[in-house]
Amino acid sequence: FRQAPGKGRERVSCISSRGIIDYADSVKGRFTIS
């Protein structure tokens, strides 16, 4: 998760215990979780 000054907290990415991955639209193609 991340929080910029003056903005709310947002989820950037997540990986479940079963390996399913989600990305925020703003970081797709640029960030990779593992």
All heavy atoms as atom14 arrays in JSON, in Angstrom:
{
  "sequence": "FRQAPGKGRERVSCISSRGIIDYADSVKGRFTIS",
  "atom14_mask": [
    [1, 1, 1, 1, 1, 1, 1, 1, 1, 1, 1, 0, 0, 0],
    [1, 1, 1, 1, 1, 1, 1, 1, 1, 1, 1, 0, 0, 0],
    [1, 1, 1, 1, 1, 1, 1, 1, 1, 0, 0, 0, 0, 0],
    [1, 1, 1, 1, 1, 0, 0, 0, 0, 0, 0, 0, 0, 0],
    [1, 1, 1, 1, 1, 1, 1, 0, 0, 0, 0, 0, 0, 0],
    [1, 1, 1, 1, 0, 0, 0, 0, 0, 0, 0, 0, 0, 0],
    [1, 1, 1, 1, 1, 1, 1, 1, 1, 0, 0, 0, 0, 0],
    [1, 1, 1, 1, 0, 0, 0, 0, 0, 0, 0, 0, 0, 0],
    [1, 1, 1, 1, 1, 1, 1, 1, 1, 1, 1, 0, 0, 0],
    [1, 1, 1, 1, 1, 1, 1, 1, 1, 0, 0, 0, 0, 0],
    [1, 1, 1, 1, 1, 1, 1, 1, 1, 1, 1, 0, 0, 0],
    [1, 1, 1, 1, 1, 1, 1, 0, 0, 0, 0, 0, 0, 0],
    [1, 1, 1, 1, 1, 1, 0, 0, 0, 0, 0, 0, 0, 0],
    [1, 1, 1, 1, 1, 1, 0, 0, 0, 0, 0, 0, 0, 0],
    [1, 1, 1, 1, 1, 1, 1, 1, 0, 0, 0, 0, 0, 0],
    [1, 1, 1, 1, 1, 1, 0, 0, 0, 0, 0, 0, 0, 0],
    [1, 1, 1, 1, 1, 1, 0, 0, 0, 0, 0, 0, 0, 0],
    [1, 1, 1, 1, 1, 1, 1, 1, 1, 1, 1, 0, 0, 0],
    [1, 1, 1, 1, 0, 0, 0, 0, 0, 0, 0, 0, 0, 0],
    [1, 1, 1, 1, 1, 1, 1, 1, 0, 0, 0, 0, 0, 0],
    [1, 1, 1, 1, 1, 1, 1, 1, 0, 0, 0, 0, 0, 0],
    [1, 1, 1, 1, 1, 1, 1, 1, 0, 0, 0, 0, 0, 0],
    [1, 1, 1, 1, 1, 1, 1, 1, 1, 1, 1, 1, 0, 0],
    [1, 1, 1, 1, 1, 0, 0, 0, 0, 0, 0, 0, 0, 0],
    [1, 1, 1, 1, 1, 1, 1, 1, 0, 0, 0, 0, 0, 0],
    [1, 1, 1, 1, 1, 1, 0, 0, 0, 0, 0, 0, 0, 0],
    [1, 1, 1, 1, 1, 1, 1, 0, 0, 0, 0, 0, 0, 0],
    [1, 1, 1, 1, 1, 1, 1, 1, 1, 0, 0, 0, 0, 0],
    [1, 1, 1, 1, 0, 0, 0, 0, 0, 0, 0, 0, 0, 0],
    [1, 1, 1, 1, 1, 1, 1, 1, 1, 1, 1, 0, 0, 0],
    [1, 1, 1, 1, 1, 1, 1, 1, 1, 1, 1, 0, 0, 0],
    [1, 1, 1, 1, 1, 1, 1, 0, 0, 0, 0, 0, 0, 0],
    [1, 1, 1, 1, 1, 1, 1, 1, 0, 0, 0, 0, 0, 0],
    [1, 1, 1, 1, 1, 1, 0, 0, 0, 0, 0, 0, 0, 0]
  ],
  "atom14_positions": [
    [[0.84, -1.18, 0.0], [0.0, 0.0, 0.0], [0.89, 1.24, 0.0], [2.04, 1.18, 0.42], [-0.91, 0.02, 1.23], [-1.86, -1.14, 1.32], [-1.41, -2.4, 1.71], [-3.2, -0.99, 1.02], [-2.27, -3.48, 1.79], [-4.09, -2.06, 1.11], [-3.62, -3.3, 1.49], [0.0, 0.0, 0.0], [0.0, 0.0, 0.0], [0.0, 0.0, 0.0]],
    [[0.34, 2.35, -0.46], [1.11, 3.58, -0.43], [0.2, 4.76, -0.11], [-1.0, 4.72, -0.35], [1.84, 3.84, -1.76], [0.93, 4.18, -2.93], [1.74, 4.29, -4.22], [0.91, 4.62, -5.36], [1.34, 4.61, -6.62], [2.6, 4.28, -6.89], [0.51, 4.94, -7.61], [0.0, 0.0, 0.0], [0.0, 0.0, 0.0], [0.0, 0.0, 0.0]],
    [[0.81, 5.81, 0.42], [0.08, 7.02, 0.75], [0.97, 8.22, 0.45], [2.05, 8.35, 1.01], [-0.36, 7.03, 2.2], [-1.26, 8.2, 2.56], [-1.94, 8.03, 3.9], [-1.47, 7.28, 4.76], [-3.05, 8.72, 4.09], [0.0, 0.0, 0.0], [0.0, 0.0, 0.0], [0.0, 0.0, 0.0], [0.0, 0.0, 0.0], [0.0, 0.0, 0.0]],
    [[0.49, 9.08, -0.43], [1.19, 10.31, -0.77], [0.68, 11.43, 0.13], [-0.45, 11.37, 0.64], [0.97, 10.66, -2.23], [0.0, 0.0, 0.0], [0.0, 0.0, 0.0], [0.0, 0.0, 0.0], [0.0, 0.0, 0.0], [0.0, 0.0, 0.0], [0.0, 0.0, 0.0], [0.0, 0.0, 0.0], [0.0, 0.0, 0.0], [0.0, 0.0, 0.0]],
    [[1.48, 12.47, 0.33], [1.04, 13.6, 1.16], [-0.27, 14.19, 0.65], [-0.41, 14.48, -0.54], [2.19, 14.6, 1.04], [3.39, 13.75, 0.74], [2.86, 12.64, -0.14], [0.0, 0.0, 0.0], [0.0, 0.0, 0.0], [0.0, 0.0, 0.0], [0.0, 0.0, 0.0], [0.0, 0.0, 0.0], [0.0, 0.0, 0.0], [0.0, 0.0, 0.0]],
    [[-1.23, 14.33, 1.55], [-2.51, 14.91, 1.19], [-3.46, 13.98, 0.46], [-4.54, 14.42, 0.04], [0.0, 0.0, 0.0], [0.0, 0.0, 0.0], [0.0, 0.0, 0.0], [0.0, 0.0, 0.0], [0.0, 0.0, 0.0], [0.0, 0.0, 0.0], [0.0, 0.0, 0.0], [0.0, 0.0, 0.0], [0.0, 0.0, 0.0], [0.0, 0.0, 0.0]],
    [[-3.09, 12.73, 0.3], [-3.94, 11.78, -0.4], [-4.23, 10.57, 0.48], [-3.53, 10.3, 1.46], [-3.29, 11.33, -1.71], [-3.09, 12.44, -2.73], [-2.53, 11.89, -4.03], [-2.38, 12.98, -5.07], [-1.84, 12.45, -6.35], [0.0, 0.0, 0.0], [0.0, 0.0, 0.0], [0.0, 0.0, 0.0], [0.0, 0.0, 0.0], [0.0, 0.0, 0.0]],
    [[-5.26, 9.83, 0.12], [-5.62, 8.64, 0.86], [-4.74, 7.45, 0.53], [-4.0, 7.45, -0.45], [0.0, 0.0, 0.0], [0.0, 0.0, 0.0], [0.0, 0.0, 0.0], [0.0, 0.0, 0.0], [0.0, 0.0, 0.0], [0.0, 0.0, 0.0], [0.0, 0.0, 0.0], [0.0, 0.0, 0.0], [0.0, 0.0, 0.0], [0.0, 0.0, 0.0]],
    [[-4.82, 6.45, 1.37], [-4.04, 5.25, 1.16], [-4.65, 4.41, 0.04], [-5.87, 4.27, -0.04], [-3.99, 4.43, 2.46], [-3.09, 3.21, 2.39], [-3.06, 2.49, 3.73], [-4.36, 1.95, 4.07], [-4.69, 1.47, 5.27], [-3.79, 1.49, 6.25], [-5.9, 0.98, 5.48], [0.0, 0.0, 0.0], [0.0, 0.0, 0.0], [0.0, 0.0, 0.0]],
    [[-3.81, 3.87, -0.81], [-4.28, 3.03, -1.89], [-3.48, 1.74, -1.93], [-2.3, 1.71, -1.58], [-4.18, 3.75, -3.24], [-2.76, 4.07, -3.68], [-2.67, 4.6, -5.09], [-3.54, 4.25, -5.92], [-1.73, 5.37, -5.38], [0.0, 0.0, 0.0], [0.0, 0.0, 0.0], [0.0, 0.0, 0.0], [0.0, 0.0, 0.0], [0.0, 0.0, 0.0]],
    [[-4.14, 0.69, -2.38], [-3.44, -0.57, -2.55], [-2.73, -0.59, -3.89], [-3.36, -0.4, -4.93], [-4.41, -1.76, -2.45], [-3.68, -3.1, -2.37], [-4.62, -4.25, -2.07], [-5.39, -4.64, -3.24], [-6.24, -5.66, -3.28], [-6.45, -6.38, -2.17], [-6.89, -5.95, -4.38], [0.0, 0.0, 0.0], [0.0, 0.0, 0.0], [0.0, 0.0, 0.0]],
    [[-1.45, -0.84, -3.83], [-0.63, -0.87, -5.04], [-0.68, -2.24, -5.68], [-0.87, -2.39, -6.89], [0.82, -0.48, -4.71], [1.71, -0.62, -5.94], [0.88, 0.94, -4.17], [0.0, 0.0, 0.0], [0.0, 0.0, 0.0], [0.0, 0.0, 0.0], [0.0, 0.0, 0.0], [0.0, 0.0, 0.0], [0.0, 0.0, 0.0], [0.0, 0.0, 0.0]],
    [[-0.51, -3.26, -4.85], [-0.49, -4.63, -5.35], [-0.7, -5.58, -4.19], [-0.5, -5.23, -3.03], [0.84, -4.93, -6.06], [0.83, -6.23, -6.63], [0.0, 0.0, 0.0], [0.0, 0.0, 0.0], [0.0, 0.0, 0.0], [0.0, 0.0, 0.0], [0.0, 0.0, 0.0], [0.0, 0.0, 0.0], [0.0, 0.0, 0.0], [0.0, 0.0, 0.0]],
    [[-1.08, -6.8, -4.52], [-1.29, -7.82, -3.5], [-1.08, -9.19, -4.11], [-1.41, -9.41, -5.28], [-2.7, -7.7, -2.92], [-3.05, -8.84, -1.57], [0.0, 0.0, 0.0], [0.0, 0.0, 0.0], [0.0, 0.0, 0.0], [0.0, 0.0, 0.0], [0.0, 0.0, 0.0], [0.0, 0.0, 0.0], [0.0, 0.0, 0.0], [0.0, 0.0, 0.0]],
    [[-0.56, -10.09, -3.32], [-0.42, -11.48, -3.73], [-1.02, -12.35, -2.64], [-0.67, -12.24, -1.47], [1.05, -11.85, -4.02], [1.16, -13.29, -4.51], [1.95, -11.6, -2.81], [2.53, -13.62, -5.11], [0.0, 0.0, 0.0], [0.0, 0.0, 0.0], [0.0, 0.0, 0.0], [0.0, 0.0, 0.0], [0.0, 0.0, 0.0], [0.0, 0.0, 0.0]],
    [[-1.96, -13.2, -3.02], [-2.66, -14.02, -2.05], [-1.8, -15.21, -1.64], [-0.75, -15.49, -2.23], [-4.0, -14.5, -2.62], [-3.81, -15.54, -3.55], [0.0, 0.0, 0.0], [0.0, 0.0, 0.0], [0.0, 0.0, 0.0], [0.0, 0.0, 0.0], [0.0, 0.0, 0.0], [0.0, 0.0, 0.0], [0.0, 0.0, 0.0], [0.0, 0.0, 0.0]],
    [[-2.26, -15.93, -0.63], [-1.56, -17.13, -0.2], [-1.56, -18.21, -1.27], [-0.74, -19.13, -1.22], [-2.19, -17.67, 1.09], [-3.54, -18.05, 0.88], [0.0, 0.0, 0.0], [0.0, 0.0, 0.0], [0.0, 0.0, 0.0], [0.0, 0.0, 0.0], [0.0, 0.0, 0.0], [0.0, 0.0, 0.0], [0.0, 0.0, 0.0], [0.0, 0.0, 0.0]],
    [[-2.46, -18.09, -2.24], [-2.52, -19.04, -3.34], [-1.82, -18.52, -4.6], [-1.89, -19.17, -5.65], [-3.97, -19.39, -3.65], [-4.71, -19.96, -2.46], [-6.03, -20.57, -2.86], [-6.78, -21.04, -1.7], [-7.89, -21.75, -1.75], [-8.39, -22.1, -2.93], [-8.5, -22.12, -0.65], [0.0, 0.0, 0.0], [0.0, 0.0, 0.0], [0.0, 0.0, 0.0]],
    [[-1.18, -17.37, -4.49], [-0.4, -16.85, -5.6], [-1.15, -15.98, -6.58], [-0.59, -15.6, -7.62], [0.0, 0.0, 0.0], [0.0, 0.0, 0.0], [0.0, 0.0, 0.0], [0.0, 0.0, 0.0], [0.0, 0.0, 0.0], [0.0, 0.0, 0.0], [0.0, 0.0, 0.0], [0.0, 0.0, 0.0], [0.0, 0.0, 0.0], [0.0, 0.0, 0.0]],
    [[-2.41, -15.64, -6.3], [-3.16, -14.76, -7.18], [-2.72, -13.32, -6.94], [-2.6, -12.88, -5.79], [-4.67, -14.9, -6.94], [-5.09, -16.36, -7.14], [-5.45, -13.99, -7.89], [-4.79, -16.91, -8.52], [0.0, 0.0, 0.0], [0.0, 0.0, 0.0], [0.0, 0.0, 0.0], [0.0, 0.0, 0.0], [0.0, 0.0, 0.0], [0.0, 0.0, 0.0]],
    [[-2.5, -12.57, -8.01], [-1.91, -11.23, -7.94], [-2.87, -10.19, -8.5], [-3.53, -10.41, -9.52], [-0.59, -11.19, -8.73], [0.45, -12.09, -8.05], [-0.07, -9.77, -8.86], [1.72, -12.28, -8.84], [0.0, 0.0, 0.0], [0.0, 0.0, 0.0], [0.0, 0.0, 0.0], [0.0, 0.0, 0.0], [0.0, 0.0, 0.0], [0.0, 0.0, 0.0]],
    [[-2.92, -9.06, -7.82], [-3.67, -7.89, -8.28], [-2.75, -6.68, -8.31], [-1.84, -6.55, -7.48], [-4.85, -7.59, -7.36], [-6.0, -8.57, -7.52], [-6.22, -9.05, -8.65], [-6.67, -8.86, -6.51], [0.0, 0.0, 0.0], [0.0, 0.0, 0.0], [0.0, 0.0, 0.0], [0.0, 0.0, 0.0], [0.0, 0.0, 0.0], [0.0, 0.0, 0.0]],
    [[-2.98, -5.77, -9.28], [-2.27, -4.51, -9.37], [-3.25, -3.37, -9.52], [-4.29, -3.51, -10.17], [-1.33, -4.48, -10.58], [-0.17, -5.45, -10.53], [-0.19, -6.62, -11.27], [0.95, -5.18, -9.75], [0.88, -7.5, -11.24], [2.02, -6.06, -9.72], [1.97, -7.22, -10.46], [3.04, -8.1, -10.43], [0.0, 0.0, 0.0], [0.0, 0.0, 0.0]],
    [[-2.9, -2.23, -8.95], [-3.64, -1.02, -9.24], [-3.42, -0.63, -10.69], [-2.34, -0.86, -11.24], [-3.2, 0.11, -8.31], [0.0, 0.0, 0.0], [0.0, 0.0, 0.0], [0.0, 0.0, 0.0], [0.0, 0.0, 0.0], [0.0, 0.0, 0.0], [0.0, 0.0, 0.0], [0.0, 0.0, 0.0], [0.0, 0.0, 0.0], [0.0, 0.0, 0.0]],
    [[-4.44, -0.05, -11.32], [-4.31, 0.32, -12.72], [-3.14, 1.27, -12.96], [-2.51, 1.23, -14.02], [-5.61, 0.97, -13.21], [-6.74, -0.02, -13.34], [-6.48, -1.23, -13.43], [-7.91, 0.43, -13.38], [0.0, 0.0, 0.0], [0.0, 0.0, 0.0], [0.0, 0.0, 0.0], [0.0, 0.0, 0.0], [0.0, 0.0, 0.0], [0.0, 0.0, 0.0]],
    [[-2.84, 2.11, -11.99], [-1.8, 3.11, -12.14], [-0.39, 2.52, -12.22], [0.54, 3.2, -12.65], [-1.86, 4.12, -11.0], [-1.71, 3.48, -9.75], [0.0, 0.0, 0.0], [0.0, 0.0, 0.0], [0.0, 0.0, 0.0], [0.0, 0.0, 0.0], [0.0, 0.0, 0.0], [0.0, 0.0, 0.0], [0.0, 0.0, 0.0], [0.0, 0.0, 0.0]],
    [[-0.22, 1.26, -11.81], [1.11, 0.66, -11.8], [1.23, -0.55, -12.71], [2.33, -1.12, -12.83], [1.55, 0.28, -10.37], [1.42, 1.46, -9.43], [0.74, -0.92, -9.85], [0.0, 0.0, 0.0], [0.0, 0.0, 0.0], [0.0, 0.0, 0.0], [0.0, 0.0, 0.0], [0.0, 0.0, 0.0], [0.0, 0.0, 0.0], [0.0, 0.0, 0.0]],
    [[0.16, -0.95, -13.36], [0.21, -2.11, -14.24], [1.22, -1.91, -15.36], [1.28, -0.85, -15.98], [-1.18, -2.39, -14.83], [-2.16, -2.99, -13.85], [-3.51, -3.28, -14.52], [-4.48, -3.92, -13.55], [-5.8, -4.15, -14.17], [0.0, 0.0, 0.0], [0.0, 0.0, 0.0], [0.0, 0.0, 0.0], [0.0, 0.0, 0.0], [0.0, 0.0, 0.0]],
    [[2.01, -2.93, -15.58], [3.05, -2.86, -16.59], [4.35, -2.28, -16.1], [5.37, -2.36, -16.81], [0.0, 0.0, 0.0], [0.0, 0.0, 0.0], [0.0, 0.0, 0.0], [0.0, 0.0, 0.0], [0.0, 0.0, 0.0], [0.0, 0.0, 0.0], [0.0, 0.0, 0.0], [0.0, 0.0, 0.0], [0.0, 0.0, 0.0], [0.0, 0.0, 0.0]],
    [[4.35, -1.67, -14.91], [5.56, -1.06, -14.37], [6.05, -1.74, -13.09], [7.25, -1.81, -12.85], [5.33, 0.42, -14.08], [4.95, 1.23, -15.32], [4.93, 2.73, -15.01], [3.92, 3.06, -14.01], [4.2, 3.64, -12.84], [5.46, 3.95, -12.53], [3.22, 3.92, -11.98], [0.0, 0.0, 0.0], [0.0, 0.0, 0.0], [0.0, 0.0, 0.0]],
    [[5.12, -2.22, -12.26], [5.46, -2.84, -10.99], [5.23, -4.34, -11.07], [4.32, -4.81, -11.76], [4.61, -2.28, -9.86], [4.91, -0.85, -9.48], [5.71, -0.05, -10.27], [4.36, -0.31, -8.33], [5.98, 1.27, -9.92], [4.61, 1.0, -7.97], [5.42, 1.79, -8.76], [0.0, 0.0, 0.0], [0.0, 0.0, 0.0], [0.0, 0.0, 0.0]],
    [[6.03, -5.09, -10.31], [5.88, -6.53, -10.23], [6.01, -6.98, -8.78], [7.0, -6.67, -8.12], [6.93, -7.26, -11.07], [6.85, -6.85, -12.44], [6.71, -8.77, -11.01], [0.0, 0.0, 0.0], [0.0, 0.0, 0.0], [0.0, 0.0, 0.0], [0.0, 0.0, 0.0], [0.0, 0.0, 0.0], [0.0, 0.0, 0.0], [0.0, 0.0, 0.0]],
    [[5.01, -7.71, -8.3], [5.06, -8.27, -6.96], [5.44, -9.75, -7.05], [5.05, -10.44, -7.99], [3.72, -8.08, -6.22], [3.85, -8.41, -4.73], [2.62, -8.92, -6.86], [2.62, -8.05, -3.91], [0.0, 0.0, 0.0], [0.0, 0.0, 0.0], [0.0, 0.0, 0.0], [0.0, 0.0, 0.0], [0.0, 0.0, 0.0], [0.0, 0.0, 0.0]],
    [[6.2, -10.21, -6.08], [6.59, -11.61, -6.02], [6.82, -11.99, -4.58], [7.0, -11.13, -3.71], [7.84, -11.87, -6.87], [8.95, -11.14, -6.39], [0.0, 0.0, 0.0], [0.0, 0.0, 0.0], [0.0, 0.0, 0.0], [0.0, 0.0, 0.0], [0.0, 0.0, 0.0], [0.0, 0.0, 0.0], [0.0, 0.0, 0.0], [0.0, 0.0, 0.0]]
  ]
}
